[in-house]
Amino acid sequence: MSSHRIRTSAAAITAVVAFPLSLGAFAPQAFADNTASSTPSPFGPGCSSLPHEGKGSAKGMAKERVATAAANNPKLTKLALALKDAGLTTKLNDAKHVTLFAPTNAAFDKISKMKLAGLLKDKAQLKKVLTYHVVDKTITPSELPNGSFKTREGSMLKTTGSGTSFKVNDTAEIVCGDIKTANATVYLVDKVLMPPS
């Protein structure tokens, strides 16, 4: 009986020692998984052309407020200048949980030089156009397939699509979506959206 108890106790001690060791083996993996899940993971064909590191990268943008993040992204420099001209930089940076459908430099290039110059000179109209790209809520990718959202400008915009292919107002393609900043979610679009007149 005594030897049976000794064997049982030895087995129990072995199990107690082995259990924390097994936890230790899995702990680094669990930590890595949690870290990975908090890392921004944008989608879309244009994401590969974003900087891979630094301020303009997805990880870099996640540390900055949205207007500042846009200014640091080489694809959004024209948008950043337009926001500054419209007096919206600070307002966007101070906003909480907004979504920005951000026209890329290529989107601005699709507007004729004359029309763009006129827009940039008309601060009221520029503000109207830019606030049409901002929604005062976080829009998740799951809301994009059949979305309808009221913008800061006051009009509605809609999103359609599936998988990783989405359009805004049936005209602008989301080229890189679900980019996180410190206070916003950003979807890069290939066309400047115009509010209903």
Protein backbone atom coordinates (compact mmCIF):
# COMPACT_ATOMS: atom_id res chain seq x y z
CA MET A 1 0.00 0.00 0.00
CA SER A 2 2.85 2.31 0.94
CA SER A 3 4.63 1.75 -2.36
CA HIS A 4 1.34 2.33 -4.23
CA ARG A 5 0.95 5.71 -2.46
CA ILE A 6 4.52 6.65 -3.33
CA ARG A 7 3.96 5.79 -6.99
CA THR A 8 0.68 7.78 -7.00
CA SER A 9 2.36 10.79 -5.36
CA ALA A 10 5.24 10.66 -7.82
CA ALA A 11 2.83 10.59 -10.73
CA ALA A 12 0.91 13.55 -9.31
CA ILE A 13 4.09 15.58 -8.83
CA THR A 14 5.19 14.78 -12.39
CA ALA A 15 1.80 15.97 -13.71
CA VAL A 16 1.95 19.19 -11.67
CA VAL A 17 5.44 19.97 -12.95
CA ALA A 18 4.60 19.06 -16.54
CA PHE A 19 1.44 21.18 -16.68
CA PRO A 20 3.13 24.58 -16.12
CA LEU A 21 5.90 23.54 -18.50
CA SER A 22 3.32 22.81 -21.19
CA LEU A 23 1.72 26.19 -20.54
CA GLY A 24 5.12 27.79 -20.87
CA ALA A 25 5.55 26.17 -24.24
CA PHE A 26 2.28 27.62 -25.50
CA ALA A 27 2.53 31.02 -23.84
CA PRO A 28 4.85 32.65 -26.41
CA GLN A 29 2.58 31.46 -29.23
CA ALA A 30 -0.50 32.85 -27.52
CA PHE A 31 1.27 36.16 -26.97
CA ALA A 32 2.32 36.27 -30.62
CA ASP A 33 -1.26 35.59 -31.74
CA ASN A 34 -2.62 38.42 -29.60
CA THR A 35 0.01 40.77 -30.94
CA ALA A 36 -0.74 39.78 -34.52
CA SER A 37 -4.48 40.33 -34.10
CA SER A 38 -3.92 43.92 -32.95
CA THR A 39 -1.77 44.73 -35.97
CA PRO A 40 -3.62 46.54 -38.76
CA SER A 41 -4.27 44.27 -41.72
CA PRO A 42 -5.59 46.40 -44.62
CA PHE A 43 -7.09 44.81 -47.74
CA GLY A 44 -7.23 45.77 -51.40
CA PRO A 45 -5.03 45.89 -54.50
CA GLY A 46 -3.45 49.21 -53.61
CA CYS A 47 -2.19 48.18 -50.19
CA SER A 48 0.98 46.64 -51.58
CA SER A 49 2.15 50.05 -52.77
CA LEU A 50 1.96 51.59 -49.30
CA PRO A 51 5.28 52.09 -47.52
CA HIS A 52 6.27 48.89 -45.73
CA GLU A 53 7.58 50.72 -42.69
CA GLY A 54 7.75 54.19 -41.23
CA LYS A 55 5.12 56.88 -40.74
CA GLY A 56 3.27 56.31 -44.02
CA SER A 57 2.95 52.56 -43.52
CA ALA A 58 -0.15 50.92 -42.05
CA LYS A 59 1.63 50.44 -38.73
CA GLY A 60 2.92 54.01 -38.81
CA MET A 61 -0.52 55.45 -39.60
CA ALA A 62 -2.02 53.53 -36.68
CA LYS A 63 0.04 55.66 -34.30
CA GLU A 64 -1.12 59.01 -35.69
CA ARG A 65 -4.42 60.87 -35.82
CA VAL A 66 -6.10 60.68 -39.18
CA ALA A 67 -5.19 64.01 -40.81
CA THR A 68 -1.60 63.69 -39.62
CA ALA A 69 -1.49 60.08 -40.83
CA ALA A 70 -2.72 61.21 -44.25
CA ALA A 71 -0.03 63.87 -44.45
CA ASN A 72 2.60 61.22 -43.74
CA ASN A 73 1.31 58.87 -46.45
CA PRO A 74 2.86 59.50 -49.89
CA LYS A 75 -0.42 58.49 -51.58
CA LEU A 76 -2.47 61.07 -49.67
CA THR A 77 -0.37 64.25 -49.82
CA LYS A 78 -2.89 66.10 -52.03
CA LEU A 79 -5.72 65.19 -49.67
CA ALA A 80 -3.67 66.44 -46.71
CA LEU A 81 -3.09 69.79 -48.46
CA ALA A 82 -6.79 70.08 -49.34
CA LEU A 83 -7.76 69.38 -45.71
CA LYS A 84 -5.37 72.10 -44.59
CA ASP A 85 -6.75 74.59 -47.15
CA ALA A 86 -10.31 73.82 -45.99
CA GLY A 87 -9.38 74.27 -42.33
CA LEU A 88 -10.30 70.68 -41.50
CA THR A 89 -6.99 69.25 -40.29
CA THR A 90 -7.49 69.97 -36.60
CA LYS A 91 -11.19 69.06 -36.67
CA LEU A 92 -10.42 65.65 -38.15
CA ASN A 93 -7.56 65.05 -35.75
CA ASP A 94 -9.84 65.92 -32.81
CA ALA A 95 -12.69 63.68 -34.02
CA LYS A 96 -13.36 60.30 -32.44
CA HIS A 97 -14.21 57.01 -34.17
CA VAL A 98 -14.71 58.44 -37.66
CA THR A 99 -14.31 56.85 -41.07
CA LEU A 100 -12.52 58.67 -43.88
CA PHE A 101 -12.95 57.68 -47.50
CA ALA A 102 -9.63 59.16 -48.54
CA PRO A 103 -9.09 60.13 -52.18
CA THR A 104 -5.58 59.25 -53.29
CA ASN A 105 -3.30 61.57 -55.25
CA ALA A 106 -4.35 59.63 -58.36
CA ALA A 107 -7.99 60.45 -57.54
CA PHE A 108 -7.23 64.18 -57.48
CA ASP A 109 -5.32 63.79 -60.76
CA LYS A 110 -8.55 62.65 -62.44
CA ILE A 111 -10.05 66.10 -61.90
CA SER A 112 -9.21 68.64 -64.59
CA LYS A 113 -6.61 71.19 -63.53
CA MET A 114 -9.06 74.04 -64.06
CA LYS A 115 -11.81 72.42 -61.99
CA LEU A 116 -9.39 71.42 -59.24
CA ALA A 117 -7.92 74.94 -59.07
CA GLY A 118 -11.42 76.38 -58.76
CA LEU A 119 -12.30 73.89 -56.02
CA LEU A 120 -9.17 74.66 -54.03
CA LYS A 121 -9.88 78.40 -54.21
CA ASP A 122 -13.49 78.02 -53.01
CA LYS A 123 -13.02 77.16 -49.34
CA ALA A 124 -16.74 76.61 -48.67
CA GLN A 125 -17.14 74.22 -51.59
CA LEU A 126 -13.87 72.46 -50.77
CA LYS A 127 -15.06 71.93 -47.20
CA LYS A 128 -18.38 70.59 -48.50
CA VAL A 129 -16.64 68.09 -50.78
CA LEU A 130 -14.14 66.92 -48.17
CA THR A 131 -16.70 66.50 -45.36
CA TYR A 132 -18.69 64.32 -47.77
CA HIS A 133 -15.82 61.84 -47.40
CA VAL A 134 -16.19 61.64 -43.60
CA VAL A 135 -18.66 59.50 -41.64
CA ASP A 136 -19.02 59.98 -37.89
CA LYS A 137 -18.77 56.30 -37.02
CA THR A 138 -16.40 53.40 -37.50
CA ILE A 139 -17.35 51.52 -40.67
CA THR A 140 -16.18 47.92 -40.63
CA PRO A 141 -15.53 45.86 -43.77
CA SER A 142 -18.61 43.75 -42.93
CA GLU A 143 -20.80 46.85 -43.45
CA LEU A 144 -19.48 47.59 -46.94
CA PRO A 145 -21.41 45.07 -49.11
CA ASN A 146 -24.66 47.03 -48.85
CA GLY A 147 -23.85 50.13 -46.83
CA SER A 148 -25.59 53.49 -46.59
CA PHE A 149 -23.99 56.15 -44.41
CA LYS A 150 -24.71 59.78 -43.54
CA THR A 151 -21.65 61.95 -44.04
CA ARG A 152 -20.52 65.04 -42.16
CA GLU A 153 -21.58 67.06 -45.18
CA GLY A 154 -25.13 65.85 -44.53
CA SER A 155 -25.74 63.72 -47.62
CA MET A 156 -25.68 59.95 -47.85
CA LEU A 157 -23.08 57.80 -49.55
CA LYS A 158 -23.40 54.13 -50.28
CA THR A 159 -21.00 51.23 -50.56
CA THR A 160 -21.39 47.99 -52.49
CA GLY A 161 -19.32 44.92 -53.29
CA SER A 162 -18.10 41.70 -51.75
CA GLY A 163 -14.94 39.95 -50.60
CA THR A 164 -12.20 42.54 -50.89
CA SER A 165 -13.69 44.40 -53.87
CA PHE A 166 -15.87 47.38 -52.99
CA LYS A 167 -17.13 50.59 -54.57
CA VAL A 168 -18.39 53.85 -53.12
CA ASN A 169 -21.40 55.39 -54.89
CA ASP A 170 -20.91 52.81 -57.69
CA THR A 171 -18.04 54.88 -59.09
CA ALA A 172 -15.04 54.97 -56.76
CA GLU A 173 -13.06 51.82 -56.07
CA ILE A 174 -11.72 51.16 -52.58
CA VAL A 175 -8.09 50.48 -53.43
CA CYS A 176 -6.94 49.86 -49.86
CA GLY A 177 -9.36 49.55 -46.99
CA ASP A 178 -9.59 49.18 -43.24
CA ILE A 179 -6.44 51.15 -42.45
CA LYS A 180 -6.50 52.12 -38.79
CA THR A 181 -5.30 55.43 -37.39
CA ALA A 182 -5.35 56.58 -33.77
CA ASN A 183 -8.88 57.97 -34.15
CA ALA A 184 -10.25 56.73 -37.46
CA THR A 185 -10.67 53.99 -40.03
CA VAL A 186 -9.46 54.90 -43.53
CA TYR A 187 -10.53 53.56 -46.91
CA LEU A 188 -8.43 54.79 -49.82
CA VAL A 189 -10.56 55.51 -52.91
CA ASP A 190 -9.52 56.16 -56.51
CA LYS A 191 -11.96 58.99 -57.16
CA VAL A 192 -12.92 62.23 -55.40
CA LEU A 193 -16.51 61.82 -54.25
CA MET A 194 -18.86 64.67 -55.07
CA PRO A 195 -21.87 65.34 -52.84
CA PRO A 196 -25.28 65.65 -54.48
CA SER A 197 -25.81 69.21 -55.69
